[in-house]
Amino acid sequence: MTSAKDPALQLARRLRSLRTQRWPGVRITQEQLGQAFDVSVPLISSWERKTDPVVPPPHRLEAYATFFATSRSVDDQQFQLLSHLTEDEQEERDSLLAELIELRDNAVDGPAAGSTTALTDNLWRFPLDEDITIVCSELPKRRLDLLPGADPEDPDYVELYQYSDLDSLLELHGHIRAMNPGNNVHVRPGSSTLTPDEYSSHLVLLGGVDWNQVTDEVLRRIELPIRQVARAEDADEGGFEVVEKGKVIKTFRPELRTVDERQVLDVDVAHFYRSRNPFNRKRTVTMCNGTHSRGVLGAVRALTDVRFRDRNNAHVQSRLATHDTLSILSRVEVLLKGQVATPDWTKSDQLLHEWTA
């Protein structure tokens, strides 16, 4: 017997109430809803039943949210899913969909990390008492040897010198600690052997496959149509490729110019990726990467910069409300003295490529 507090039953009850009580005076039968959704009546019934209800897949909840976002769905005798919504209707749809997806997540496996429950107001806020492991790229030996204090036997040894992207690490570590004061936050180098507990924590990866072996380890276990162009030498151009059916269909590269015989970076390419952790589906993996270090910082600041993080976070949440995985490639403008202009993912000229799964 299904308990009244069972999450699956709560979802079924909500779906039933939408059909029977959403608009007073409007009667919607299971048959009419099935016709609008192009599914069978028994399937609609299985989602609504009061004992052992079936949990609908996310794309069916998208249909519910779209249909019940506007009474225009029932204006005609033949009820239908509308393909175009007004701005107000779209906001109602997004709100309703977030509610239904949260109920579904609870029904499937509890409030899983990566669900809307874990993303209530900030993508970097994680459930209490769940460990977070930040894995950083490391400087190659040819660069590390140039730094005073990088030798462990040096009296002025600084352990953090081994990491690249220190500005990204400082920015993100402080933000994650502020958002999660009750969580353990660990920092590990990308060449280290992470413990099984660390692999199965919330993984945050800074930097790409060139200098972060853990990033490479994760990428081999996920499906992602984005491939980073390796930079074997500092002078290599690099970039990111979009791949479909094994073929490169588009390449995004940084923009450089020559000043006094030196290459100066004007625009970098940033890659942000979020999904469930392949080592533990109740935890997340988040990647902040770039062709150069400026791209890494741009990917980080997109969700930490107080002027942009709310809109970018809302953009991400709207995608993750219906998908487990999100990948974003964006432009990162590099200003004087290497300063980074935070990318706005809601602007089409800065959002180069977006993919969900």
Foldseek 3Di string as FASTA:
>chain_A
DDDPPQLLLVLLCVLVCLQPPLDPPDHHDLCLLCQQVVHDSVLNCLSNDNPNRDQDALVVLLQVLQQSLDPVQPPDVRRYRDPDDDPSSVVSSLVSLLVSLCSSCCNPPRRFQLRCVQLVQANLAGDAAFAEEEEFFFDPPVVLVVDPQCDPVHPNHDVCNRGPLVVLVVLQVVQSCVNHVRYHYHYHYQVDDDDLSNLQTAYEYFEADQGHVVNVVQVVQDDDQKDWADDPDPPDFIFIFGDDPRDTPDTDTWDWDADPNDTDTFKWKWKWKKAQRSSHNSHIYIYTYIRDSLNSNLSSCCCRVPVRNRQSSVVVNSQSSRFRMKMWMFMWGADPPRDTDHAHCVDPNGTDDMDTD
